Structures are given as C-alpha cells and as structure tokens.
Amino acid sequence: MIFYTLQGPHHQLEIHEDKIKLISRGISKMFSKGPEEVTWNLNQLKQFEISTPKTLIWGELQWQTFDGKKGQFTFSTNTIMVKKIETYLKKRIIKNHHLHIDAA
C-alpha cells in the first residue's frame, strides 16, 4: 500500500508501508544512465532529513540506510503533508534502530 506519492521536477517518490521507491519521470528518463526505479526498504533506514525552504515551494528529503546507501529527493507539497511524512518516517526510523540493536 502506498502511504503517499510526492512529485518532483525529475522524479516521483512513492512512500509505501515497507519501502521508498524513487521513479524517474519525464525527460530525465531519457537522459538518465541509471535505473528508472530505485527502492529502499524502510526497515533498513538509519536516518532521514526533511527540509522545506521558506517559500514552501520545493522541499528536500534525504535518507541513508544502515549499510550506507543514500538517497535524496526534491519535491513539491504543502506543509501539512510534510509534517505527516516526517511523523511517519520518524516512527519507522525509531523502530528500525530498536530492531537493529536487538538483532546485533
């Protein structure tokens, strides 16, 4: 199930219950040498950071997994959805840290 979909200038980000999926779209599909779709499992996320500029037109979401794999996405949305996404991902990250420590 998809929790939320964010639209960016060159990519679309789908936040699912168990993963983040970054999908190339538009003209970036034609010029990109990388894969059209990259997936990160939420249970592997170690940290994330979400920022919004003062104009609230474009924001940025950055994340990293326990094994060092990084991702970044520039998006457009409203303040309410930024807070919902931040709350959802914070809960997942805290849960991941507890699971990661217990597994060690």
PDB file of N, CA and C in Angstrom:
ATOM      1  N   MET A   1       0.829  -1.174   0.000  1.00  0.00           N
ATOM      2  CA  MET A   1       0.000   0.000   0.000  1.00  0.00           C
ATOM      3  C   MET A   1       0.880   1.247   0.000  1.00  0.00           C
ATOM      4  N   ILE A   2       0.512   2.239  -0.790  1.00  0.00           N
ATOM      5  CA  ILE A   2       1.255   3.480  -0.879  1.00  0.00           C
ATOM      6  C   ILE A   2       0.715   4.460   0.161  1.00  0.00           C
ATOM      7  N   PHE A   3       1.618   4.961   1.024  1.00  0.00           N
ATOM      8  CA  PHE A   3       1.252   5.949   2.033  1.00  0.00           C
ATOM      9  C   PHE A   3       1.080   7.321   1.383  1.00  0.00           C
ATOM     10  N   TYR A   4       2.021   7.694   0.528  1.00  0.00           N
ATOM     11  CA  TYR A   4       1.948   8.991  -0.127  1.00  0.00           C
ATOM     12  C   TYR A   4       2.857   8.993  -1.345  1.00  0.00           C
ATOM     13  N   THR A   5       2.507   9.795  -2.343  1.00  0.00           N
ATOM     14  CA  THR A   5       3.322   9.976  -3.535  1.00  0.00           C
ATOM     15  C   THR A   5       3.687  11.448  -3.641  1.00  0.00           C
ATOM     16  N   LEU A   6       4.966  11.714  -3.797  1.00  0.00           N
ATOM     17  CA  LEU A   6       5.455  13.083  -3.953  1.00  0.00           C
ATOM     18  C   LEU A   6       5.937  13.267  -5.380  1.00  0.00           C
ATOM     19  N   GLN A   7       5.664  14.429  -5.946  1.00  0.00           N
ATOM     20  CA  GLN A   7       6.105  14.747  -7.297  1.00  0.00           C
ATOM     21  C   GLN A   7       7.269  15.719  -7.224  1.00  0.00           C
ATOM     22  N   GLY A   8       8.310  15.432  -7.952  1.00  0.00           N
ATOM     23  CA  GLY A   8       9.455  16.321  -8.054  1.00  0.00           C
ATOM     24  C   GLY A   8       9.645  16.736  -9.495  1.00  0.00           C
ATOM     25  N   PRO A   9      10.616  17.583  -9.738  1.00  0.00           N
ATOM     26  CA  PRO A   9      10.824  18.054 -11.107  1.00  0.00           C
ATOM     27  C   PRO A   9      11.280  16.946 -12.066  1.00  0.00           C
ATOM     28  N   HIS A  10      11.999  15.960 -11.557  1.00  0.00           N
ATOM     29  CA  HIS A  10      12.518  14.903 -12.430  1.00  0.00           C
ATOM     30  C   HIS A  10      12.161  13.497 -11.973  1.00  0.00           C
ATOM     31  N   HIS A  11      11.650  13.371 -10.762  1.00  0.00           N
ATOM     32  CA  HIS A  11      11.345  12.060 -10.196  1.00  0.00           C
ATOM     33  C   HIS A  11      10.025  12.083  -9.436  1.00  0.00           C
ATOM     34  N   GLN A  12       9.533  10.917  -9.197  1.00  0.00           N
ATOM     35  CA  GLN A  12       8.359  10.718  -8.344  1.00  0.00           C
ATOM     36  C   GLN A  12       8.802   9.812  -7.211  1.00  0.00           C
ATOM     37  N   LEU A  13       8.387  10.120  -5.987  1.00  0.00           N
ATOM     38  CA  LEU A  13       8.746   9.309  -4.835  1.00  0.00           C
ATOM     39  C   LEU A  13       7.484   8.707  -4.252  1.00  0.00           C
ATOM     40  N   GLU A  14       7.461   7.388  -4.157  1.00  0.00           N
ATOM     41  CA  GLU A  14       6.342   6.690  -3.531  1.00  0.00           C
ATOM     42  C   GLU A  14       6.800   6.200  -2.165  1.00  0.00           C
ATOM     43  N   ILE A  15       6.068   6.588  -1.120  1.00  0.00           N
ATOM     44  CA  ILE A  15       6.357   6.108   0.226  1.00  0.00           C
ATOM     45  C   ILE A  15       5.331   5.026   0.534  1.00  0.00           C
ATOM     46  N   HIS A  16       5.798   3.781   0.600  1.00  0.00           N
ATOM     47  CA  HIS A  16       4.945   2.629   0.869  1.00  0.00           C
ATOM     48  C   HIS A  16       5.016   2.292   2.353  1.00  0.00           C
ATOM     49  N   GLU A  17       4.284   1.286   2.753  1.00  0.00           N
ATOM     50  CA  GLU A  17       4.349   0.810   4.141  1.00  0.00           C
ATOM     51  C   GLU A  17       5.717   0.238   4.476  1.00  0.00           C
ATOM     52  N   ASP A  18       6.381  -0.354   3.487  1.00  0.00           N
ATOM     53  CA  ASP A  18       7.632  -1.053   3.755  1.00  0.00           C
ATOM     54  C   ASP A  18       8.826  -0.585   2.933  1.00  0.00           C
ATOM     55  N   LYS A  19       8.641   0.404   2.052  1.00  0.00           N
ATOM     56  CA  LYS A  19       9.757   0.839   1.204  1.00  0.00           C
ATOM     57  C   LYS A  19       9.532   2.253   0.676  1.00  0.00           C
ATOM     58  N   ILE A  20      10.618   2.840   0.189  1.00  0.00           N
ATOM     59  CA  ILE A  20      10.585   4.106  -0.536  1.00  0.00           C
ATOM     60  C   ILE A  20      11.003   3.770  -1.954  1.00  0.00           C
ATOM     61  N   LYS A  21      10.224   4.220  -2.917  1.00  0.00           N
ATOM     62  CA  LYS A  21      10.515   3.922  -4.312  1.00  0.00           C
ATOM     63  C   LYS A  21      10.691   5.237  -5.065  1.00  0.00           C
ATOM     64  N   LEU A  22      11.866   5.444  -5.664  1.00  0.00           N
ATOM     65  CA  LEU A  22      12.173   6.636  -6.437  1.00  0.00           C
ATOM     66  C   LEU A  22      12.100   6.276  -7.919  1.00  0.00           C
ATOM     67  N   ILE A  23      11.225   6.951  -8.653  1.00  0.00           N
ATOM     68  CA  ILE A  23      10.956   6.616 -10.048  1.00  0.00           C
ATOM     69  C   ILE A  23      11.284   7.813 -10.928  1.00  0.00           C
ATOM     70  N   SER A  24      12.148   7.600 -11.940  1.00  0.00           N
ATOM     71  CA  SER A  24      12.452   8.657 -12.906  1.00  0.00           C
ATOM     72  C   SER A  24      11.219   8.921 -13.749  1.00  0.00           C
ATOM     73  N   ARG A  25      11.030  10.191 -14.104  1.00  0.00           N
ATOM     74  CA  ARG A  25       9.882  10.521 -14.939  1.00  0.00           C
ATOM     75  C   ARG A  25      10.257  11.622 -15.911  1.00  0.00           C
ATOM     76  N   GLY A  26       9.451  11.750 -16.923  1.00  0.00           N
ATOM     77  CA  GLY A  26       9.637  12.821 -17.897  1.00  0.00           C
ATOM     78  C   GLY A  26      10.936  12.698 -18.659  1.00  0.00           C
ATOM     79  N   ILE A  27      11.540  13.838 -18.883  1.00  0.00           N
ATOM     80  CA  ILE A  27      12.747  13.907 -19.695  1.00  0.00           C
ATOM     81  C   ILE A  27      13.943  13.248 -19.027  1.00  0.00           C
ATOM     82  N   SER A  28      13.955  13.196 -17.708  1.00  0.00           N
ATOM     83  CA  SER A  28      15.083  12.577 -17.001  1.00  0.00           C
ATOM     84  C   SER A  28      15.168  11.084 -17.283  1.00  0.00           C
ATOM     85  N   LYS A  29      14.049  10.466 -17.642  1.00  0.00           N
ATOM     86  CA  LYS A  29      14.051   9.044 -18.015  1.00  0.00           C
ATOM     87  C   LYS A  29      14.936   8.815 -19.233  1.00  0.00           C
ATOM     88  N   MET A  30      14.824   9.716 -20.193  1.00  0.00           N
ATOM     89  CA  MET A  30      15.562   9.548 -21.455  1.00  0.00           C
ATOM     90  C   MET A  30      17.061   9.782 -21.285  1.00  0.00           C
ATOM     91  N   PHE A  31      17.442  10.697 -20.394  1.00  0.00           N
ATOM     92  CA  PHE A  31      18.842  11.071 -20.268  1.00  0.00           C
ATOM     93  C   PHE A  31      19.565  10.403 -19.109  1.00  0.00           C
ATOM     94  N   SER A  32      18.844   9.683 -18.272  1.00  0.00           N
ATOM     95  CA  SER A  32      19.448   9.040 -17.112  1.00  0.00           C
ATOM     96  C   SER A  32      20.161   7.759 -17.521  1.00  0.00           C
ATOM     97  N   LYS A  33      21.365   7.574 -16.994  1.00  0.00           N
ATOM     98  CA  LYS A  33      22.116   6.346 -17.257  1.00  0.00           C
ATOM     99  C   LYS A  33      21.797   5.276 -16.221  1.00  0.00           C
ATOM    100  N   GLY A  34      21.234   5.703 -15.094  1.00  0.00           N
ATOM    101  CA  GLY A  34      20.920   4.779 -14.009  1.00  0.00           C
ATOM    102  C   GLY A  34      19.574   4.107 -14.228  1.00  0.00           C
ATOM    103  N   PRO A  35      19.171   3.296 -13.271  1.00  0.00           N
ATOM    104  CA  PRO A  35      17.883   2.612 -13.379  1.00  0.00           C
ATOM    105  C   PRO A  35      16.719   3.604 -13.280  1.00  0.00           C
ATOM    106  N   GLU A  36      15.595   3.270 -13.905  1.00  0.00           N
ATOM    107  CA  GLU A  36      14.417   4.133 -13.865  1.00  0.00           C
ATOM    108  C   GLU A  36      13.739   4.100 -12.506  1.00  0.00           C
ATOM    109  N   GLU A  37      14.036   3.064 -11.719  1.00  0.00           N
ATOM    110  CA  GLU A  37      13.388   2.907 -10.422  1.00  0.00           C
ATOM    111  C   GLU A  37      14.398   2.374  -9.408  1.00  0.00           C
ATOM    112  N   VAL A  38      14.465   3.018  -8.243  1.00  0.00           N
ATOM    113  CA  VAL A  38      15.353   2.580  -7.168  1.00  0.00           C
ATOM    114  C   VAL A  38      14.506   2.445  -5.905  1.00  0.00           C
ATOM    115  N   THR A  39      14.726   1.359  -5.154  1.00  0.00           N
ATOM    116  CA  THR A  39      13.923   1.088  -3.966  1.00  0.00           C
ATOM    117  C   THR A  39      14.812   0.960  -2.726  1.00  0.00           C
ATOM    118  N   TRP A  40      14.340   1.552  -1.624  1.00  0.00           N
ATOM    119  CA  TRP A  40      14.979   1.415  -0.317  1.00  0.00           C
ATOM    120  C   TRP A  40      13.955   0.820   0.632  1.00  0.00           C
ATOM    121  N   ASN A  41      14.319  -0.225   1.353  1.00  0.00           N
ATOM    122  CA  ASN A  41      13.419  -0.808   2.346  1.00  0.00           C
ATOM    123  C   ASN A  41      13.400   0.072   3.590  1.00  0.00           C
ATOM    124  N   LEU A  42      12.205   0.377   4.092  1.00  0.00           N
ATOM    125  CA  LEU A  42      12.092   1.239   5.269  1.00  0.00           C
ATOM    126  C   LEU A  42      12.721   0.614   6.508  1.00  0.00           C
ATOM    127  N   ASN A  43      12.710  -0.724   6.603  1.00  0.00           N
ATOM    128  CA  ASN A  43      13.299  -1.347   7.787  1.00  0.00           C
ATOM    129  C   ASN A  43      14.823  -1.253   7.793  1.00  0.00           C
ATOM    130  N   GLN A  44      15.421  -0.752   6.730  1.00  0.00           N
ATOM    131  CA  GLN A  44      16.864  -0.563   6.670  1.00  0.00           C
ATOM    132  C   GLN A  44      17.284   0.897   6.828  1.00  0.00           C
ATOM    133  N   LEU A  45      16.309   1.812   6.949  1.00  0.00           N
ATOM    134  CA  LEU A  45      16.656   3.225   7.064  1.00  0.00           C
ATOM    135  C   LEU A  45      17.232   3.544   8.436  1.00  0.00           C
ATOM    136  N   LYS A  46      18.362   4.229   8.415  1.00  0.00           N
ATOM    137  CA  LYS A  46      19.059   4.607   9.636  1.00  0.00           C
ATOM    138  C   LYS A  46      18.742   6.051  10.002  1.00  0.00           C
ATOM    139  N   GLN A  47      18.605   6.894   9.005  1.00  0.00           N
ATOM    140  CA  GLN A  47      18.317   8.295   9.258  1.00  0.00           C
ATOM    141  C   GLN A  47      17.644   8.915   8.050  1.00  0.00           C
ATOM    142  N   PHE A  48      16.974  10.019   8.295  1.00  0.00           N
ATOM    143  CA  PHE A  48      16.415  10.811   7.202  1.00  0.00           C
ATOM    144  C   PHE A  48      16.354  12.249   7.660  1.00  0.00           C
ATOM    145  N   GLU A  49      16.282  13.108   6.697  1.00  0.00           N
ATOM    146  CA  GLU A  49      16.187  14.537   6.977  1.00  0.00           C
ATOM    147  C   GLU A  49      15.246  15.135   5.951  1.00  0.00           C
ATOM    148  N   ILE A  50      14.314  15.936   6.418  1.00  0.00           N
ATOM    149  CA  ILE A  50      13.368  16.584   5.517  1.00  0.00           C
ATOM    150  C   ILE A  50      13.483  18.082   5.750  1.00  0.00           C
ATOM    151  N   SER A  51      13.604  18.827   4.667  1.00  0.00           N
ATOM    152  CA  SER A  51      13.726  20.273   4.812  1.00  0.00           C
ATOM    153  C   SER A  51      12.814  20.964   3.803  1.00  0.00           C
ATOM    154  N   THR A  52      12.316  22.103   4.204  1.00  0.00           N
ATOM    155  CA  THR A  52      11.483  22.909   3.312  1.00  0.00           C
ATOM    156  C   THR A  52      12.004  24.334   3.326  1.00  0.00           C
ATOM    157  N   PRO A  53      12.084  24.958   2.174  1.00  0.00           N
ATOM    158  CA  PRO A  53      12.526  26.348   2.142  1.00  0.00           C
ATOM    159  C   PRO A  53      11.438  27.275   2.681  1.00  0.00           C
ATOM    160  N   LYS A  54      11.785  28.501   2.920  1.00  0.00           N
ATOM    161  CA  LYS A  54      10.828  29.456   3.465  1.00  0.00           C
ATOM    162  C   LYS A  54       9.636  29.683   2.541  1.00  0.00           C
ATOM    163  N   THR A  55       9.830  29.532   1.244  1.00  0.00           N
ATOM    164  CA  THR A  55       8.740  29.750   0.287  1.00  0.00           C
ATOM    165  C   THR A  55       7.792  28.560   0.211  1.00  0.00           C
ATOM    166  N   LEU A  56       8.186  27.413   0.757  1.00  0.00           N
ATOM    167  CA  LEU A  56       7.401  26.168   0.741  1.00  0.00           C
ATOM    168  C   LEU A  56       7.020  25.709  -0.654  1.00  0.00           C
ATOM    169  N   ILE A  57       7.857  26.026  -1.634  1.00  0.00           N
ATOM    170  CA  ILE A  57       7.597  25.537  -2.987  1.00  0.00           C
ATOM    171  C   ILE A  57       8.307  24.206  -3.197  1.00  0.00           C
ATOM    172  N   TRP A  58       9.586  24.150  -2.889  1.00  0.00           N
ATOM    173  CA  TRP A  58      10.345  22.918  -3.044  1.00  0.00           C
ATOM    174  C   TRP A  58      10.951  22.522  -1.711  1.00  0.00           C
ATOM    175  N   GLY A  59      10.857  21.261  -1.398  1.00  0.00           N
ATOM    176  CA  GLY A  59      11.479  20.725  -0.199  1.00  0.00           C
ATOM    177  C   GLY A  59      12.461  19.641  -0.602  1.00  0.00           C
ATOM    178  N   GLU A  60      13.191  19.130   0.356  1.00  0.00           N
ATOM    179  CA  GLU A  60      14.146  18.075   0.058  1.00  0.00           C
ATOM    180  C   GLU A  60      14.103  17.021   1.151  1.00  0.00           C
ATOM    181  N   LEU A  61      14.125  15.783   0.726  1.00  0.00           N
ATOM    182  CA  LEU A  61      14.130  14.639   1.620  1.00  0.00           C
ATOM    183  C   LEU A  61      15.406  13.862   1.340  1.00  0.00           C
ATOM    184  N   GLN A  62      16.187  13.579   2.386  1.00  0.00           N
ATOM    185  CA  GLN A  62      17.411  12.795   2.256  1.00  0.00           C
ATOM    186  C   GLN A  62      17.347  11.654   3.251  1.00  0.00           C
ATOM    187  N   TRP A  63      17.885  10.497   2.867  1.00  0.00           N
ATOM    188  CA  TRP A  63      17.872   9.350   3.757  1.00  0.00           C
ATOM    189  C   TRP A  63      19.119   8.514   3.557  1.00  0.00           C
ATOM    190  N   GLN A  64      19.372   7.639   4.535  1.00  0.00           N
ATOM    191  CA  GLN A  64      20.526   6.747   4.482  1.00  0.00           C
ATOM    192  C   GLN A  64      20.170   5.440   5.177  1.00  0.00           C
ATOM    193  N   THR A  65      20.661   4.329   4.629  1.00  0.00           N
ATOM    194  CA  THR A  65      20.425   3.022   5.232  1.00  0.00           C
ATOM    195  C   THR A  65      21.586   2.671   6.148  1.00  0.00           C
ATOM    196  N   PHE A  66      21.417   1.596   6.910  1.00  0.00           N
ATOM    197  CA  PHE A  66      22.475   1.145   7.813  1.00  0.00           C
ATOM    198  C   PHE A  66      23.745   0.765   7.055  1.00  0.00           C
ATOM    199  N   ASP A  67      23.608   0.298   5.810  1.00  0.00           N
ATOM    200  CA  ASP A  67      24.794  -0.079   5.032  1.00  0.00           C
ATOM    201  C   ASP A  67      25.369   1.082   4.222  1.00  0.00           C
ATOM    202  N   GLY A  68      24.877   2.304   4.436  1.00  0.00           N
ATOM    203  CA  GLY A  68      25.468   3.492   3.817  1.00  0.00           C
ATOM    204  C   GLY A  68      24.846   3.928   2.505  1.00  0.00           C
ATOM    205  N   LYS A  69      23.858   3.231   2.002  1.00  0.00           N
ATOM    206  CA  LYS A  69      23.190   3.611   0.761  1.00  0.00           C
ATOM    207  C   LYS A  69      22.382   4.883   1.008  1.00  0.00           C
ATOM    208  N   LYS A  70      22.619   5.912   0.182  1.00  0.00           N
ATOM    209  CA  LYS A  70      21.971   7.209   0.372  1.00  0.00           C
ATOM    210  C   LYS A  70      20.984   7.499  -0.746  1.00  0.00           C
ATOM    211  N   GLY A  71      20.000   8.314  -0.423  1.00  0.00           N
ATOM    212  CA  GLY A  71      19.034   8.766  -1.410  1.00  0.00           C
ATOM    213  C   GLY A  71      18.641  10.198  -1.116  1.00  0.00           C
ATOM    214  N   GLN A  72      18.153  10.859  -2.152  1.00  0.00           N
ATOM    215  CA  GLN A  72      17.749  12.245  -1.996  1.00  0.00           C
ATOM    216  C   GLN A  72      16.655  12.542  -3.014  1.00  0.00           C
ATOM    217  N   PHE A  73      15.725  13.401  -2.623  1.00  0.00           N
ATOM    218  CA  PHE A  73      14.597  13.715  -3.483  1.00  0.00           C
ATOM    219  C   PHE A  73      14.135  15.142  -3.231  1.00  0.00           C
ATOM    220  N   THR A  74      13.974  15.908  -4.295  1.00  0.00           N
ATOM    221  CA  THR A  74      13.429  17.253  -4.221  1.00  0.00           C
ATOM    222  C   THR A  74      11.968  17.168  -4.615  1.00  0.00           C
ATOM    223  N   PHE A  75      11.100  17.802  -3.835  1.00  0.00           N
ATOM    224  CA  PHE A  75       9.667  17.637  -4.053  1.00  0.00           C
ATOM    225  C   PHE A  75       8.893  18.929  -3.841  1.00  0.00           C
ATOM    226  N   SER A  76       7.643  18.871  -4.227  1.00  0.00           N
ATOM    227  CA  SER A  76       6.714  19.974  -4.037  1.00  0.00           C
ATOM    228  C   SER A  76       5.494  19.438  -3.295  1.00  0.00           C
ATOM    229  N   THR A  77       5.136  20.052  -2.178  1.00  0.00           N
ATOM    230  CA  THR A  77       3.950  19.652  -1.423  1.00  0.00           C
ATOM    231  C   THR A  77       3.620  20.751  -0.421  1.00  0.00           C
ATOM    232  N   ASN A  78       2.598  20.554   0.367  1.00  0.00           N
ATOM    233  CA  ASN A  78       2.233  21.566   1.361  1.00  0.00           C
ATOM    234  C   ASN A  78       2.785  21.205   2.744  1.00  0.00           C
ATOM    235  N   THR A  79       2.701  22.150   3.656  1.00  0.00           N
ATOM    236  CA  THR A  79       3.260  21.982   4.997  1.00  0.00           C
ATOM    237  C   THR A  79       2.609  20.839   5.768  1.00  0.00           C
ATOM    238  N   ILE A  80       1.322  20.659   5.604  1.00  0.00           N
ATOM    239  CA  ILE A  80       0.603  19.602   6.320  1.00  0.00           C
ATOM    240  C   ILE A  80       1.149  18.228   5.936  1.00  0.00           C
ATOM    241  N   MET A  81       1.345  18.005   4.642  1.00  0.00           N
ATOM    242  CA  MET A  81       1.862  16.708   4.200  1.00  0.00           C
ATOM    243  C   MET A  81       3.317  16.515   4.619  1.00  0.00           C
ATOM    244  N   VAL A  82       4.100  17.588   4.648  1.00  0.00           N
ATOM    245  CA  VAL A  82       5.483  17.476   5.115  1.00  0.00           C
ATOM    246  C   VAL A  82       5.497  16.956   6.549  1.00  0.00           C
ATOM    247  N   LYS A  83       4.637  17.496   7.399  1.00  0.00           N
ATOM    248  CA  LYS A  83       4.556  17.052   8.798  1.00  0.00           C
ATOM    249  C   LYS A  83       4.117  15.591   8.892  1.00  0.00           C
ATOM    250  N   LYS A  84       3.132  15.192   8.076  1.00  0.00           N
ATOM    251  CA  LYS A  84       2.661  13.798   8.100  1.00  0.00           C
ATOM    252  C   LYS A  84       3.765  12.838   7.664  1.00  0.00           C
ATOM    253  N   ILE A  85       4.475  13.203   6.614  1.00  0.00           N
ATOM    254  CA  ILE A  85       5.562  12.360   6.121  1.00  0.00           C
ATOM    255  C   ILE A  85       6.668  12.274   7.165  1.00  0.00           C
ATOM    256  N   GLU A  86       7.013  13.411   7.755  1.00  0.00           N
ATOM    257  CA  GLU A  86       8.050  13.442   8.775  1.00  0.00           C
ATOM    258  C   GLU A  86       7.683  12.574   9.972  1.00  0.00           C
ATOM    259  N   THR A  87       6.449  12.660  10.445  1.00  0.00           N
ATOM    260  CA  THR A  87       5.985  11.852  11.578  1.00  0.00           C
ATOM    261  C   THR A  87       6.045  10.364  11.236  1.00  0.00           C
ATOM    262  N   TYR A  88       5.555   9.998  10.054  1.00  0.00           N
ATOM    263  CA  TYR A  88       5.542   8.599   9.617  1.00  0.00           C
ATOM    264  C   TYR A  88       6.960   8.038   9.552  1.00  0.00           C
ATOM    265  N   LEU A  89       7.875   8.777   8.908  1.00  0.00           N
ATOM    266  CA  LEU A  89       9.238   8.280   8.753  1.00  0.00           C
ATOM    267  C   LEU A  89       9.993   8.269  10.082  1.00  0.00           C
ATOM    268  N   LYS A  90       9.745   9.240  10.965  1.00  0.00           N
ATOM    269  CA  LYS A  90      10.391   9.232  12.282  1.00  0.00           C
ATOM    270  C   LYS A  90      10.016   7.977  13.062  1.00  0.00           C
ATOM    271  N   LYS A  91       8.745   7.604  13.032  1.00  0.00           N
ATOM    272  CA  LYS A  91       8.302   6.385  13.724  1.00  0.00           C
ATOM    273  C   LYS A  91       9.010   5.167  13.163  1.00  0.00           C
ATOM    274  N   ARG A  92       9.140   5.115  11.838  1.00  0.00           N
ATOM    275  CA  ARG A  92       9.810   3.968  11.210  1.00  0.00           C
ATOM    276  C   ARG A  92      11.286   3.925  11.575  1.00  0.00           C
ATOM    277  N   ILE A  93      11.955   5.068  11.576  1.00  0.00           N
ATOM    278  CA  ILE A  93      13.381   5.131  11.884  1.00  0.00           C
ATOM    279  C   ILE A  93      13.635   4.691  13.321  1.00  0.00           C
ATOM    280  N   ILE A  94      12.842   5.189  14.258  1.00  0.00           N
ATOM    281  CA  ILE A  94      12.998   4.799  15.670  1.00  0.00           C
ATOM    282  C   ILE A  94      12.804   3.301  15.824  1.00  0.00           C
ATOM    283  N   LYS A  95      11.793   2.757  15.167  1.00  0.00           N
ATOM    284  CA  LYS A  95      11.536   1.314  15.212  1.00  0.00           C
ATOM    285  C   LYS A  95      12.717   0.551  14.623  1.00  0.00           C
ATOM    286  N   ASN A  96      13.287   1.048  13.521  1.00  0.00           N
ATOM    287  CA  ASN A  96      14.421   0.383  12.877  1.00  0.00           C
ATOM    288  C   ASN A  96      15.638   0.343  13.790  1.00  0.00           C
ATOM    289  N   HIS A  97      15.884   1.414  14.524  1.00  0.00           N
ATOM    290  CA  HIS A  97      17.023   1.447  15.436  1.00  0.00           C
ATOM    291  C   HIS A  97      16.858   0.417  16.551  1.00  0.00           C
ATOM    292  N   HIS A  98      15.640   0.278  17.066  1.00  0.00           N
ATOM    293  CA  HIS A  98      15.396  -0.735  18.098  1.00  0.00           C
ATOM    294  C   HIS A  98      15.588  -2.140  17.536  1.00  0.00           C
ATOM    295  N   LEU A  99      15.083  -2.387  16.319  1.00  0.00           N
ATOM    296  CA  LEU A  99      15.238  -3.693  15.699  1.00  0.00           C
ATOM    297  C   LEU A  99      16.700  -3.983  15.367  1.00  0.00           C
ATOM    298  N   HIS A 100      17.413  -2.959  14.910  1.00  0.00           N
ATOM    299  CA  HIS A 100      18.817  -3.124  14.531  1.00  0.00           C
ATOM    300  C   HIS A 100      19.669  -3.436  15.767  1.00  0.00           C
ATOM    301  N   ILE A 101      19.401  -2.768  16.871  1.00  0.00           N
ATOM    302  CA  ILE A 101      20.136  -3.009  18.114  1.00  0.00           C
ATOM    303  C   ILE A 101      19.813  -4.399  18.665  1.00  0.00           C
ATOM    304  N   ASP A 102      18.549  -4.790  18.622  1.00  0.00           N
ATOM    305  CA  ASP A 102      18.142  -6.119  19.130  1.00  0.00           C
ATOM    306  C   ASP A 102      18.760  -7.233  18.310  1.00  0.00           C
ATOM    307  N   ALA A 103      18.950  -7.010  17.010  1.00  0.00           N
ATOM    308  CA  ALA A 103      19.494  -8.047  16.140  1.00  0.00           C
ATOM    309  C   ALA A 103      21.008  -8.201  16.317  1.00  0.00           C
ATOM    310  N   ALA A 104      21.655  -7.183  16.847  1.00  0.00           N
ATOM    311  CA  ALA A 104      23.117  -7.198  16.993  1.00  0.00           C
ATOM    312  C   ALA A 104      23.590  -8.082  18.123  1.00  0.00           C
TER     313      ALA A 104
END
